[in-house]
Amino acid sequence: MRFPRSPIRRAALACAAAAVMSGPAVAQDAQGDPVAGAAIARDVCASCHAVAPGEMDAPMVEAPPFQAVADAPGMTEMALYAWMTSSHPTMPNIMLDRGALRDVVAYVLSLRTEGEGG
């Protein structure tokens, strides 16, 4: 068996592993509150990401706008949990508690433009 060597492949593998490992625990949680998630996003994420609906100009070019994340093909709740709970070289390790994480995921998914995303 060959293991991924590139940082991108390692990150993808880490995201997949996080999704598998966190899936059952996350799936048992109640739905998040997108209004609370929007407030958390403004407080915690907006210094790097564009977080408002339709906003596409992020303060940091490397940080994807939440609208683009929501509209990404195949974007799912589980994919967001996996992405947000794995470390990334260009992102600080912000640790949200389970409730806050659930709320931010609900907020991002609430931004989905009809017909886009997963």
PDB file of N, CA and C in Angstrom:
ATOM      1  N   MET A   1       0.849  -1.186   0.000  1.00  0.00           N
ATOM      2  CA  MET A   1       0.000   0.000   0.000  1.00  0.00           C
ATOM      3  C   MET A   1       0.884   1.235   0.000  1.00  0.00           C
ATOM      4  N   ARG A   2       0.563   2.182  -0.863  1.00  0.00           N
ATOM      5  CA  ARG A   2       1.318   3.432  -0.932  1.00  0.00           C
ATOM      6  C   ARG A   2       0.573   4.504  -0.163  1.00  0.00           C
ATOM      7  N   PHE A   3       1.313   5.279   0.589  1.00  0.00           N
ATOM      8  CA  PHE A   3       0.720   6.359   1.358  1.00  0.00           C
ATOM      9  C   PHE A   3       0.930   7.665   0.614  1.00  0.00           C
ATOM     10  N   PRO A   4      -0.019   8.598   0.742  1.00  0.00           N
ATOM     11  CA  PRO A   4       0.102   9.875   0.056  1.00  0.00           C
ATOM     12  C   PRO A   4       1.350  10.618   0.511  1.00  0.00           C
ATOM     13  N   ARG A   5       2.025  11.229  -0.438  1.00  0.00           N
ATOM     14  CA  ARG A   5       3.248  11.959  -0.113  1.00  0.00           C
ATOM     15  C   ARG A   5       3.068  13.469  -0.158  1.00  0.00           C
ATOM     16  N   SER A   6       2.185  13.942  -1.012  1.00  0.00           N
ATOM     17  CA  SER A   6       2.034  15.389  -1.125  1.00  0.00           C
ATOM     18  C   SER A   6       1.229  15.923   0.047  1.00  0.00           C
ATOM     19  N   PRO A   7       1.463  17.181   0.428  1.00  0.00           N
ATOM     20  CA  PRO A   7       0.687  17.776   1.527  1.00  0.00           C
ATOM     21  C   PRO A   7      -0.809  17.793   1.226  1.00  0.00           C
ATOM     22  N   ILE A   8      -1.180  17.981  -0.035  1.00  0.00           N
ATOM     23  CA  ILE A   8      -2.598  18.025  -0.396  1.00  0.00           C
ATOM     24  C   ILE A   8      -3.219  16.648  -0.193  1.00  0.00           C
ATOM     25  N   ARG A   9      -2.523  15.610  -0.629  1.00  0.00           N
ATOM     26  CA  ARG A   9      -3.050  14.258  -0.436  1.00  0.00           C
ATOM     27  C   ARG A   9      -3.121  13.899   1.038  1.00  0.00           C
ATOM     28  N   ARG A  10      -2.116  14.306   1.803  1.00  0.00           N
ATOM     29  CA  ARG A  10      -2.153  14.027   3.242  1.00  0.00           C
ATOM     30  C   ARG A  10      -3.330  14.748   3.889  1.00  0.00           C
ATOM     31  N   ALA A  11      -3.565  16.006   3.474  1.00  0.00           N
ATOM     32  CA  ALA A  11      -4.688  16.769   4.029  1.00  0.00           C
ATOM     33  C   ALA A  11      -6.012  16.116   3.664  1.00  0.00           C
ATOM     34  N   ALA A  12      -6.137  15.650   2.417  1.00  0.00           N
ATOM     35  CA  ALA A  12      -7.367  14.974   2.004  1.00  0.00           C
ATOM     36  C   ALA A  12      -7.580  13.704   2.812  1.00  0.00           C
ATOM     37  N   LEU A  13      -6.513  12.949   3.033  1.00  0.00           N
ATOM     38  CA  LEU A  13      -6.607  11.732   3.833  1.00  0.00           C
ATOM     39  C   LEU A  13      -7.000  12.066   5.273  1.00  0.00           C
ATOM     40  N   ALA A  14      -6.422  13.127   5.822  1.00  0.00           N
ATOM     41  CA  ALA A  14      -6.754  13.532   7.187  1.00  0.00           C
ATOM     42  C   ALA A  14      -8.218  13.946   7.285  1.00  0.00           C
ATOM     43  N   CYS A  15      -8.716  14.666   6.282  1.00  0.00           N
ATOM     44  CA  CYS A  15     -10.126  15.069   6.279  1.00  0.00           C
ATOM     45  C   CYS A  15     -11.037  13.844   6.215  1.00  0.00           C
ATOM     46  N   ALA A  16     -10.679  12.896   5.366  1.00  0.00           N
ATOM     47  CA  ALA A  16     -11.488  11.682   5.255  1.00  0.00           C
ATOM     48  C   ALA A  16     -11.488  10.916   6.577  1.00  0.00           C
ATOM     49  N   ALA A  17     -10.322  10.822   7.197  1.00  0.00           N
ATOM     50  CA  ALA A  17     -10.233  10.113   8.477  1.00  0.00           C
ATOM     51  C   ALA A  17     -11.051  10.833   9.542  1.00  0.00           C
ATOM     52  N   ALA A  18     -10.977  12.154   9.568  1.00  0.00           N
ATOM     53  CA  ALA A  18     -11.750  12.916  10.552  1.00  0.00           C
ATOM     54  C   ALA A  18     -13.242  12.722  10.327  1.00  0.00           C
ATOM     55  N   ALA A  19     -13.650  12.661   9.069  1.00  0.00           N
ATOM     56  CA  ALA A  19     -15.066  12.456   8.769  1.00  0.00           C
ATOM     57  C   ALA A  19     -15.536  11.098   9.260  1.00  0.00           C
ATOM     58  N   VAL A  20     -14.729  10.090   9.040  1.00  0.00           N
ATOM     59  CA  VAL A  20     -15.094   8.746   9.476  1.00  0.00           C
ATOM     60  C   VAL A  20     -15.118   8.670  10.996  1.00  0.00           C
ATOM     61  N   MET A  21     -14.104   9.250  11.632  1.00  0.00           N
ATOM     62  CA  MET A  21     -14.000   9.156  13.087  1.00  0.00           C
ATOM     63  C   MET A  21     -15.034  10.010  13.804  1.00  0.00           C
ATOM     64  N   SER A  22     -15.366  11.174  13.253  1.00  0.00           N
ATOM     65  CA  SER A  22     -16.285  12.059  13.958  1.00  0.00           C
ATOM     66  C   SER A  22     -17.727  11.875  13.517  1.00  0.00           C
ATOM     67  N   GLY A  23     -17.954  11.162  12.449  1.00  0.00           N
ATOM     68  CA  GLY A  23     -19.286  11.017  11.876  1.00  0.00           C
ATOM     69  C   GLY A  23     -20.362  10.594  12.845  1.00  0.00           C
ATOM     70  N   PRO A  24     -20.231   9.448  13.510  1.00  0.00           N
ATOM     71  CA  PRO A  24     -21.308   9.012  14.381  1.00  0.00           C
ATOM     72  C   PRO A  24     -21.600   9.983  15.513  1.00  0.00           C
ATOM     73  N   ALA A  25     -20.573  10.562  16.107  1.00  0.00           N
ATOM     74  CA  ALA A  25     -20.791  11.496  17.209  1.00  0.00           C
ATOM     75  C   ALA A  25     -21.489  12.753  16.707  1.00  0.00           C
ATOM     76  N   VAL A  26     -21.056  13.260  15.573  1.00  0.00           N
ATOM     77  CA  VAL A  26     -21.654  14.465  15.014  1.00  0.00           C
ATOM     78  C   VAL A  26     -23.070  14.194  14.561  1.00  0.00           C
ATOM     79  N   ALA A  27     -23.293  13.045  13.933  1.00  0.00           N
ATOM     80  CA  ALA A  27     -24.614  12.726  13.411  1.00  0.00           C
ATOM     81  C   ALA A  27     -25.651  12.645  14.522  1.00  0.00           C
ATOM     82  N   GLN A  28     -25.232  12.349  15.732  1.00  0.00           N
ATOM     83  CA  GLN A  28     -26.170  12.230  16.841  1.00  0.00           C
ATOM     84  C   GLN A  28     -26.560  13.589  17.411  1.00  0.00           C
ATOM     85  N   ASP A  29     -25.779  14.616  17.111  1.00  0.00           N
ATOM     86  CA  ASP A  29     -26.086  15.945  17.615  1.00  0.00           C
ATOM     87  C   ASP A  29     -27.323  16.516  16.924  1.00  0.00           C
ATOM     88  N   ALA A  30     -28.003  17.426  17.615  1.00  0.00           N
ATOM     89  CA  ALA A  30     -29.133  18.122  17.020  1.00  0.00           C
ATOM     90  C   ALA A  30     -28.619  19.101  15.964  1.00  0.00           C
ATOM     91  N   GLN A  31     -29.511  19.584  15.149  1.00  0.00           N
ATOM     92  CA  GLN A  31     -29.147  20.563  14.132  1.00  0.00           C
ATOM     93  C   GLN A  31     -28.631  21.842  14.790  1.00  0.00           C
ATOM     94  N   GLY A  32     -27.694  22.491  14.109  1.00  0.00           N
ATOM     95  CA  GLY A  32     -27.150  23.735  14.619  1.00  0.00           C
ATOM     96  C   GLY A  32     -28.069  24.910  14.364  1.00  0.00           C
ATOM     97  N   ASP A  33     -27.723  26.023  14.971  1.00  0.00           N
ATOM     98  CA  ASP A  33     -28.474  27.266  14.844  1.00  0.00           C
ATOM     99  C   ASP A  33     -27.708  28.200  13.912  1.00  0.00           C
ATOM    100  N   PRO A  34     -28.198  28.421  12.685  1.00  0.00           N
ATOM    101  CA  PRO A  34     -27.452  29.264  11.750  1.00  0.00           C
ATOM    102  C   PRO A  34     -27.312  30.715  12.208  1.00  0.00           C
ATOM    103  N   VAL A  35     -28.243  31.221  13.002  1.00  0.00           N
ATOM    104  CA  VAL A  35     -28.134  32.599  13.504  1.00  0.00           C
ATOM    105  C   VAL A  35     -26.965  32.687  14.486  1.00  0.00           C
ATOM    106  N   ALA A  36     -26.882  31.721  15.385  1.00  0.00           N
ATOM    107  CA  ALA A  36     -25.747  31.681  16.314  1.00  0.00           C
ATOM    108  C   ALA A  36     -24.448  31.448  15.539  1.00  0.00           C
ATOM    109  N   GLY A  37     -24.492  30.604  14.514  1.00  0.00           N
ATOM    110  CA  GLY A  37     -23.316  30.347  13.690  1.00  0.00           C
ATOM    111  C   GLY A  37     -22.829  31.594  12.974  1.00  0.00           C
ATOM    112  N   ALA A  38     -23.755  32.428  12.521  1.00  0.00           N
ATOM    113  CA  ALA A  38     -23.374  33.684  11.860  1.00  0.00           C
ATOM    114  C   ALA A  38     -22.636  34.594  12.834  1.00  0.00           C
ATOM    115  N   ALA A  39     -23.114  34.654  14.074  1.00  0.00           N
ATOM    116  CA  ALA A  39     -22.454  35.493  15.084  1.00  0.00           C
ATOM    117  C   ALA A  39     -21.050  34.967  15.384  1.00  0.00           C
ATOM    118  N   ILE A  40     -20.912  33.647  15.494  1.00  0.00           N
ATOM    119  CA  ILE A  40     -19.591  33.056  15.737  1.00  0.00           C
ATOM    120  C   ILE A  40     -18.677  33.335  14.554  1.00  0.00           C
ATOM    121  N   ALA A  41     -19.202  33.177  13.349  1.00  0.00           N
ATOM    122  CA  ALA A  41     -18.403  33.423  12.146  1.00  0.00           C
ATOM    123  C   ALA A  41     -17.906  34.869  12.105  1.00  0.00           C
ATOM    124  N   ARG A  42     -18.777  35.813  12.440  1.00  0.00           N
ATOM    125  CA  ARG A  42     -18.357  37.226  12.465  1.00  0.00           C
ATOM    126  C   ARG A  42     -17.270  37.458  13.506  1.00  0.00           C
ATOM    127  N   ASP A  43     -17.406  36.830  14.669  1.00  0.00           N
ATOM    128  CA  ASP A  43     -16.456  37.038  15.764  1.00  0.00           C
ATOM    129  C   ASP A  43     -15.135  36.307  15.562  1.00  0.00           C
ATOM    130  N   VAL A  44     -15.190  35.081  15.035  1.00  0.00           N
ATOM    131  CA  VAL A  44     -14.009  34.219  15.001  1.00  0.00           C
ATOM    132  C   VAL A  44     -13.389  34.102  13.613  1.00  0.00           C
ATOM    133  N   CYS A  45     -14.206  34.086  12.586  1.00  0.00           N
ATOM    134  CA  CYS A  45     -13.728  33.737  11.238  1.00  0.00           C
ATOM    135  C   CYS A  45     -13.524  34.932  10.310  1.00  0.00           C
ATOM    136  N   ALA A  46     -14.219  36.028  10.575  1.00  0.00           N
ATOM    137  CA  ALA A  46     -14.245  37.141   9.623  1.00  0.00           C
ATOM    138  C   ALA A  46     -12.928  37.886   9.476  1.00  0.00           C
ATOM    139  N   SER A  47     -11.976  37.663  10.375  1.00  0.00           N
ATOM    140  CA  SER A  47     -10.687  38.330  10.194  1.00  0.00           C
ATOM    141  C   SER A  47      -9.931  37.750   8.997  1.00  0.00           C
ATOM    142  N   CYS A  48     -10.300  36.535   8.570  1.00  0.00           N
ATOM    143  CA  CYS A  48      -9.656  35.898   7.415  1.00  0.00           C
ATOM    144  C   CYS A  48     -10.632  35.622   6.277  1.00  0.00           C
ATOM    145  N   HIS A  49     -11.844  35.172   6.605  1.00  0.00           N
ATOM    146  CA  HIS A  49     -12.829  34.747   5.611  1.00  0.00           C
ATOM    147  C   HIS A  49     -13.887  35.819   5.392  1.00  0.00           C
ATOM    148  N   ALA A  50     -14.450  35.865   4.177  1.00  0.00           N
ATOM    149  CA  ALA A  50     -15.669  36.617   3.922  1.00  0.00           C
ATOM    150  C   ALA A  50     -16.794  35.735   4.442  1.00  0.00           C
ATOM    151  N   VAL A  51     -17.565  36.214   5.395  1.00  0.00           N
ATOM    152  CA  VAL A  51     -18.562  35.354   6.038  1.00  0.00           C
ATOM    153  C   VAL A  51     -19.999  35.757   5.739  1.00  0.00           C
ATOM    154  N   ALA A  52     -20.235  36.948   5.226  1.00  0.00           N
ATOM    155  CA  ALA A  52     -21.599  37.413   4.974  1.00  0.00           C
ATOM    156  C   ALA A  52     -22.169  36.766   3.713  1.00  0.00           C
ATOM    157  N   PRO A  53     -23.476  36.610   3.667  1.00  0.00           N
ATOM    158  CA  PRO A  53     -24.105  36.042   2.471  1.00  0.00           C
ATOM    159  C   PRO A  53     -23.722  36.835   1.216  1.00  0.00           C
ATOM    160  N   GLY A  54     -23.268  36.126   0.193  1.00  0.00           N
ATOM    161  CA  GLY A  54     -22.913  36.756  -1.076  1.00  0.00           C
ATOM    162  C   GLY A  54     -21.573  37.453  -1.099  1.00  0.00           C
ATOM    163  N   GLU A  55     -20.946  37.627   0.051  1.00  0.00           N
ATOM    164  CA  GLU A  55     -19.653  38.316   0.117  1.00  0.00           C
ATOM    165  C   GLU A  55     -18.561  37.381  -0.425  1.00  0.00           C
ATOM    166  N   MET A  56     -17.784  37.874  -1.399  1.00  0.00           N
ATOM    167  CA  MET A  56     -16.776  37.018  -2.022  1.00  0.00           C
ATOM    168  C   MET A  56     -15.347  37.543  -1.869  1.00  0.00           C
ATOM    169  N   ASP A  57     -15.171  38.725  -1.313  1.00  0.00           N
ATOM    170  CA  ASP A  57     -13.833  39.280  -1.124  1.00  0.00           C
ATOM    171  C   ASP A  57     -13.397  39.061   0.321  1.00  0.00           C
ATOM    172  N   ALA A  58     -12.579  38.016   0.518  1.00  0.00           N
ATOM    173  CA  ALA A  58     -12.107  37.677   1.853  1.00  0.00           C
ATOM    174  C   ALA A  58     -10.934  38.568   2.245  1.00  0.00           C
ATOM    175  N   PRO A  59     -10.796  38.901   3.527  1.00  0.00           N
ATOM    176  CA  PRO A  59      -9.648  39.680   3.990  1.00  0.00           C
ATOM    177  C   PRO A  59      -8.314  39.006   3.652  1.00  0.00           C
ATOM    178  N   MET A  60      -8.274  37.681   3.680  1.00  0.00           N
ATOM    179  CA  MET A  60      -7.083  36.937   3.285  1.00  0.00           C
ATOM    180  C   MET A  60      -7.405  36.186   1.994  1.00  0.00           C
ATOM    181  N   VAL A  61      -6.620  36.415   0.968  1.00  0.00           N
ATOM    182  CA  VAL A  61      -6.864  35.798  -0.335  1.00  0.00           C
ATOM    183  C   VAL A  61      -6.920  34.275  -0.231  1.00  0.00           C
ATOM    184  N   GLU A  62      -6.101  33.691   0.650  1.00  0.00           N
ATOM    185  CA  GLU A  62      -6.031  32.232   0.778  1.00  0.00           C
ATOM    186  C   GLU A  62      -7.264  31.642   1.462  1.00  0.00           C
ATOM    187  N   ALA A  63      -8.023  32.449   2.168  1.00  0.00           N
ATOM    188  CA  ALA A  63      -9.170  31.971   2.934  1.00  0.00           C
ATOM    189  C   ALA A  63     -10.425  32.014   2.067  1.00  0.00           C
ATOM    190  N   PRO A  64     -11.023  30.863   1.798  1.00  0.00           N
ATOM    191  CA  PRO A  64     -12.198  30.874   0.919  1.00  0.00           C
ATOM    192  C   PRO A  64     -13.393  31.563   1.577  1.00  0.00           C
ATOM    193  N   PRO A  65     -14.128  32.341   0.784  1.00  0.00           N
ATOM    194  CA  PRO A  65     -15.358  32.946   1.307  1.00  0.00           C
ATOM    195  C   PRO A  65     -16.350  31.858   1.700  1.00  0.00           C
ATOM    196  N   PHE A  66     -17.085  32.074   2.766  1.00  0.00           N
ATOM    197  CA  PHE A  66     -18.059  31.083   3.204  1.00  0.00           C
ATOM    198  C   PHE A  66     -19.092  30.806   2.116  1.00  0.00           C
ATOM    199  N   GLN A  67     -19.443  31.825   1.326  1.00  0.00           N
ATOM    200  CA  GLN A  67     -20.408  31.616   0.237  1.00  0.00           C
ATOM    201  C   GLN A  67     -19.861  30.616  -0.773  1.00  0.00           C
ATOM    202  N   ALA A  68     -18.580  30.738  -1.122  1.00  0.00           N
ATOM    203  CA  ALA A  68     -17.961  29.797  -2.069  1.00  0.00           C
ATOM    204  C   ALA A  68     -17.904  28.393  -1.476  1.00  0.00           C
ATOM    205  N   VAL A  69     -17.635  28.298  -0.189  1.00  0.00           N
ATOM    206  CA  VAL A  69     -17.610  26.988   0.474  1.00  0.00           C
ATOM    207  C   VAL A  69     -19.003  26.365   0.415  1.00  0.00           C
ATOM    208  N   ALA A  70     -20.020  27.141   0.745  1.00  0.00           N
ATOM    209  CA  ALA A  70     -21.392  26.633   0.745  1.00  0.00           C
ATOM    210  C   ALA A  70     -21.814  26.151  -0.639  1.00  0.00           C
ATOM    211  N   ASP A  71     -21.383  26.860  -1.675  1.00  0.00           N
ATOM    212  CA  ASP A  71     -21.789  26.536  -3.043  1.00  0.00           C
ATOM    213  C   ASP A  71     -20.858  25.555  -3.749  1.00  0.00           C
ATOM    214  N   ALA A  72     -19.819  25.092  -3.066  1.00  0.00           N
ATOM    215  CA  ALA A  72     -18.892  24.141  -3.686  1.00  0.00           C
ATOM    216  C   ALA A  72     -19.635  22.846  -4.021  1.00  0.00           C
ATOM    217  N   PRO A  73     -19.404  22.312  -5.224  1.00  0.00           N
ATOM    218  CA  PRO A  73     -20.067  21.054  -5.601  1.00  0.00           C
ATOM    219  C   PRO A  73     -19.770  19.956  -4.577  1.00  0.00           C
ATOM    220  N   GLY A  74     -20.814  19.273  -4.175  1.00  0.00           N
ATOM    221  CA  GLY A  74     -20.656  18.158  -3.244  1.00  0.00           C
ATOM    222  C   GLY A  74     -20.456  18.552  -1.794  1.00  0.00           C
ATOM    223  N   MET A  75     -20.547  19.837  -1.479  1.00  0.00           N
ATOM    224  CA  MET A  75     -20.348  20.255  -0.092  1.00  0.00           C
ATOM    225  C   MET A  75     -21.484  19.709   0.767  1.00  0.00           C
ATOM    226  N   THR A  76     -21.093  19.027   1.828  1.00  0.00           N
ATOM    227  CA  THR A  76     -22.069  18.430   2.735  1.00  0.00           C
ATOM    228  C   THR A  76     -21.761  18.840   4.166  1.00  0.00           C
ATOM    229  N   GLU A  77     -22.681  18.561   5.033  1.00  0.00           N
ATOM    230  CA  GLU A  77     -22.485  18.813   6.460  1.00  0.00           C
ATOM    231  C   GLU A  77     -21.256  18.042   6.957  1.00  0.00           C
ATOM    232  N   MET A  78     -21.145  16.783   6.575  1.00  0.00           N
ATOM    233  CA  MET A  78     -20.028  15.956   7.029  1.00  0.00           C
ATOM    234  C   MET A  78     -18.699  16.500   6.493  1.00  0.00           C
ATOM    235  N   ALA A  79     -18.679  16.960   5.255  1.00  0.00           N
ATOM    236  CA  ALA A  79     -17.451  17.518   4.689  1.00  0.00           C
ATOM    237  C   ALA A  79     -17.022  18.765   5.458  1.00  0.00           C
ATOM    238  N   LEU A  80     -17.980  19.596   5.842  1.00  0.00           N
ATOM    239  CA  LEU A  80     -17.645  20.787   6.627  1.00  0.00           C
ATOM    240  C   LEU A  80     -17.106  20.413   8.001  1.00  0.00           C
ATOM    241  N   TYR A  81     -17.727  19.436   8.657  1.00  0.00           N
ATOM    242  CA  TYR A  81     -17.214  18.989   9.959  1.00  0.00           C
ATOM    243  C   TYR A  81     -15.777  18.486   9.810  1.00  0.00           C
ATOM    244  N   ALA A  82     -15.535  17.687   8.797  1.00  0.00           N
ATOM    245  CA  ALA A  82     -14.189  17.140   8.586  1.00  0.00           C
ATOM    246  C   ALA A  82     -13.193  18.266   8.351  1.00  0.00           C
ATOM    247  N   TRP A  83     -13.533  19.208   7.503  1.00  0.00           N
ATOM    248  CA  TRP A  83     -12.622  20.306   7.182  1.00  0.00           C
ATOM    249  C   TRP A  83     -12.346  21.167   8.410  1.00  0.00           C
ATOM    250  N   MET A  84     -13.392  21.468   9.158  1.00  0.00           N
ATOM    251  CA  MET A  84     -13.238  22.392  10.283  1.00  0.00           C
ATOM    252  C   MET A  84     -12.591  21.748  11.505  1.00  0.00           C
ATOM    253  N   THR A  85     -12.520  20.431  11.550  1.00  0.00           N
ATOM    254  CA  THR A  85     -11.904  19.779  12.701  1.00  0.00           C
ATOM    255  C   THR A  85     -10.520  19.224  12.392  1.00  0.00           C
ATOM    256  N   SER A  86     -10.014  19.487  11.194  1.00  0.00           N
ATOM    257  CA  SER A  86      -8.646  19.069  10.875  1.00  0.00           C
ATOM    258  C   SER A  86      -7.773  20.317  10.746  1.00  0.00           C
ATOM    259  N   SER A  87      -6.500  20.179  11.031  1.00  0.00           N
ATOM    260  CA  SER A  87      -5.621  21.349  10.975  1.00  0.00           C
ATOM    261  C   SER A  87      -5.200  21.623   9.531  1.00  0.00           C
ATOM    262  N   HIS A  88      -4.921  22.874   9.268  1.00  0.00           N
ATOM    263  CA  HIS A  88      -4.507  23.320   7.942  1.00  0.00           C
ATOM    264  C   HIS A  88      -3.311  24.247   8.107  1.00  0.00           C
ATOM    265  N   PRO A  89      -2.318  24.125   7.251  1.00  0.00           N
ATOM    266  CA  PRO A  89      -1.103  24.930   7.394  1.00  0.00           C
ATOM    267  C   PRO A  89      -1.360  26.436   7.347  1.00  0.00           C
ATOM    268  N   THR A  90      -2.366  26.868   6.596  1.00  0.00           N
ATOM    269  CA  THR A  90      -2.608  28.303   6.456  1.00  0.00           C
ATOM    270  C   THR A  90      -3.710  28.811   7.384  1.00  0.00           C
ATOM    271  N   MET A  91      -4.194  27.953   8.270  1.00  0.00           N
ATOM    272  CA  MET A  91      -5.285  28.353   9.149  1.00  0.00           C
ATOM    273  C   MET A  91      -4.884  28.132  10.604  1.00  0.00           C
ATOM    274  N   PRO A  92      -5.161  29.108  11.470  1.00  0.00           N
ATOM    275  CA  PRO A  92      -4.857  28.891  12.885  1.00  0.00           C
ATOM    276  C   PRO A  92      -5.727  27.765  13.431  1.00  0.00           C
ATOM    277  N   ASN A  93      -5.234  27.086  14.439  1.00  0.00           N
ATOM    278  CA  ASN A  93      -6.007  26.002  15.051  1.00  0.00           C
ATOM    279  C   ASN A  93      -7.028  26.590  16.013  1.00  0.00           C
ATOM    280  N   ILE A  94      -8.160  26.946  15.467  1.00  0.00           N
ATOM    281  CA  ILE A  94      -9.255  27.484  16.274  1.00  0.00           C
ATOM    282  C   ILE A  94     -10.099  26.299  16.711  1.00  0.00           C
ATOM    283  N   MET A  95     -10.239  26.143  18.000  1.00  0.00           N
ATOM    284  CA  MET A  95     -10.984  25.006  18.541  1.00  0.00           C
ATOM    285  C   MET A  95     -12.362  25.489  18.997  1.00  0.00           C
ATOM    286  N   LEU A  96     -13.374  25.110  18.256  1.00  0.00           N
ATOM    287  CA  LEU A  96     -14.750  25.430  18.637  1.00  0.00           C
ATOM    288  C   LEU A  96     -15.326  24.244  19.392  1.00  0.00           C
ATOM    289  N   ASP A  97     -16.129  24.530  20.415  1.00  0.00           N
ATOM    290  CA  ASP A  97     -16.795  23.408  21.077  1.00  0.00           C
ATOM    291  C   ASP A  97     -17.837  22.832  20.125  1.00  0.00           C
ATOM    292  N   ARG A  98     -18.339  21.662  20.460  1.00  0.00           N
ATOM    293  CA  ARG A  98     -19.243  20.939  19.559  1.00  0.00           C
ATOM    294  C   ARG A  98     -20.452  21.770  19.156  1.00  0.00           C
ATOM    295  N   GLY A  99     -21.026  22.495  20.099  1.00  0.00           N
ATOM    296  CA  GLY A  99     -22.206  23.311  19.794  1.00  0.00           C
ATOM    297  C   GLY A  99     -21.882  24.441  18.837  1.00  0.00           C
ATOM    298  N   ALA A 100     -20.765  25.129  19.074  1.00  0.00           N
ATOM    299  CA  ALA A 100     -20.364  26.231  18.194  1.00  0.00           C
ATOM    300  C   ALA A 100     -20.030  25.699  16.797  1.00  0.00           C
ATOM    301  N   LEU A 101     -19.345  24.586  16.738  1.00  0.00           N
ATOM    302  CA  LEU A 101     -19.017  23.976  15.452  1.00  0.00           C
ATOM    303  C   LEU A 101     -20.299  23.633  14.691  1.00  0.00           C
ATOM    304  N   ARG A 102     -21.246  23.037  15.383  1.00  0.00           N
ATOM    305  CA  ARG A 102     -22.529  22.679  14.773  1.00  0.00           C
ATOM    306  C   ARG A 102     -23.233  23.931  14.246  1.00  0.00           C
ATOM    307  N   ASP A 103     -23.176  25.028  15.007  1.00  0.00           N
ATOM    308  CA  ASP A 103     -23.826  26.271  14.592  1.00  0.00           C
ATOM    309  C   ASP A 103     -23.145  26.881  13.363  1.00  0.00           C
ATOM    310  N   VAL A 104     -21.818  26.874  13.330  1.00  0.00           N
ATOM    311  CA  VAL A 104     -21.101  27.433  12.179  1.00  0.00           C
ATOM    312  C   VAL A 104     -21.376  26.598  10.928  1.00  0.00           C
ATOM    313  N   VAL A 105     -21.393  25.290  11.065  1.00  0.00           N
ATOM    314  CA  VAL A 105     -21.711  24.423   9.926  1.00  0.00           C
ATOM    315  C   VAL A 105     -23.120  24.731   9.427  1.00  0.00           C
ATOM    316  N   ALA A 106     -24.065  24.866  10.340  1.00  0.00           N
ATOM    317  CA  ALA A 106     -25.442  25.197   9.944  1.00  0.00           C
ATOM    318  C   ALA A 106     -25.482  26.542   9.227  1.00  0.00           C
ATOM    319  N   TYR A 107     -24.707  27.503   9.707  1.00  0.00           N
ATOM    320  CA  TYR A 107     -24.674  28.810   9.055  1.00  0.00           C
ATOM    321  C   TYR A 107     -24.104  28.707   7.646  1.00  0.00           C
ATOM    322  N   VAL A 108     -22.969  28.042   7.504  1.00  0.00           N
ATOM    323  CA  VAL A 108     -22.362  27.922   6.167  1.00  0.00           C
ATOM    324  C   VAL A 108     -23.345  27.261   5.205  1.00  0.00           C
ATOM    325  N   LEU A 109     -23.980  26.189   5.629  1.00  0.00           N
ATOM    326  CA  LEU A 109     -24.926  25.509   4.751  1.00  0.00           C
ATOM    327  C   LEU A 109     -26.152  26.367   4.455  1.00  0.00           C
ATOM    328  N   SER A 110     -26.499  27.268   5.362  1.00  0.00           N
ATOM    329  CA  SER A 110     -27.640  28.157   5.122  1.00  0.00           C
ATOM    330  C   SER A 110     -27.355  29.163   4.008  1.00  0.00           C
ATOM    331  N   LEU A 111     -26.074  29.347   3.696  1.00  0.00           N
ATOM    332  CA  LEU A 111     -25.685  30.289   2.642  1.00  0.00           C
ATOM    333  C   LEU A 111     -25.826  29.692   1.236  1.00  0.00           C
ATOM    334  N   ARG A 112     -26.022  28.386   1.173  1.00  0.00           N
ATOM    335  CA  ARG A 112     -26.059  27.705  -0.117  1.00  0.00           C
ATOM    336  C   ARG A 112     -27.061  28.353  -1.056  1.00  0.00           C
ATOM    337  N   THR A 113     -26.585  28.664  -2.257  1.00  0.00           N
ATOM    338  CA  THR A 113     -27.448  29.208  -3.302  1.00  0.00           C
ATOM    339  C   THR A 113     -28.225  28.045  -3.895  1.00  0.00           C
ATOM    340  N   GLU A 114     -29.494  28.226  -4.107  1.00  0.00           N
ATOM    341  CA  GLU A 114     -30.339  27.148  -4.615  1.00  0.00           C
ATOM    342  C   GLU A 114     -29.726  26.539  -5.872  1.00  0.00           C
ATOM    343  N   GLY A 115     -29.656  25.216  -5.880  1.00  0.00           N
ATOM    344  CA  GLY A 115     -29.106  24.494  -7.029  1.00  0.00           C
ATOM    345  C   GLY A 115     -27.608  24.289  -6.955  1.00  0.00           C
ATOM    346  N   GLU A 116     -26.951  24.829  -5.942  1.00  0.00           N
ATOM    347  CA  GLU A 116     -25.495  24.682  -5.789  1.00  0.00           C
ATOM    348  C   GLU A 116     -25.210  23.716  -4.661  1.00  0.00           C
ATOM    349  N   GLY A 117     -23.943  23.368  -4.510  1.00  0.00           N
ATOM    350  CA  GLY A 117     -23.477  22.570  -3.369  1.00  0.00           C
ATOM    351  C   GLY A 117     -24.001  21.154  -3.405  1.00  0.00           C
ATOM    352  N   GLY A 118     -23.936  20.506  -2.201  1.00  0.00           N
ATOM    353  CA  GLY A 118     -24.303  19.097  -2.098  1.00  0.00           C
ATOM    354  C   GLY A 118     -25.655  18.963  -1.573  1.00  0.00           C
TER     355      GLY A 118
END
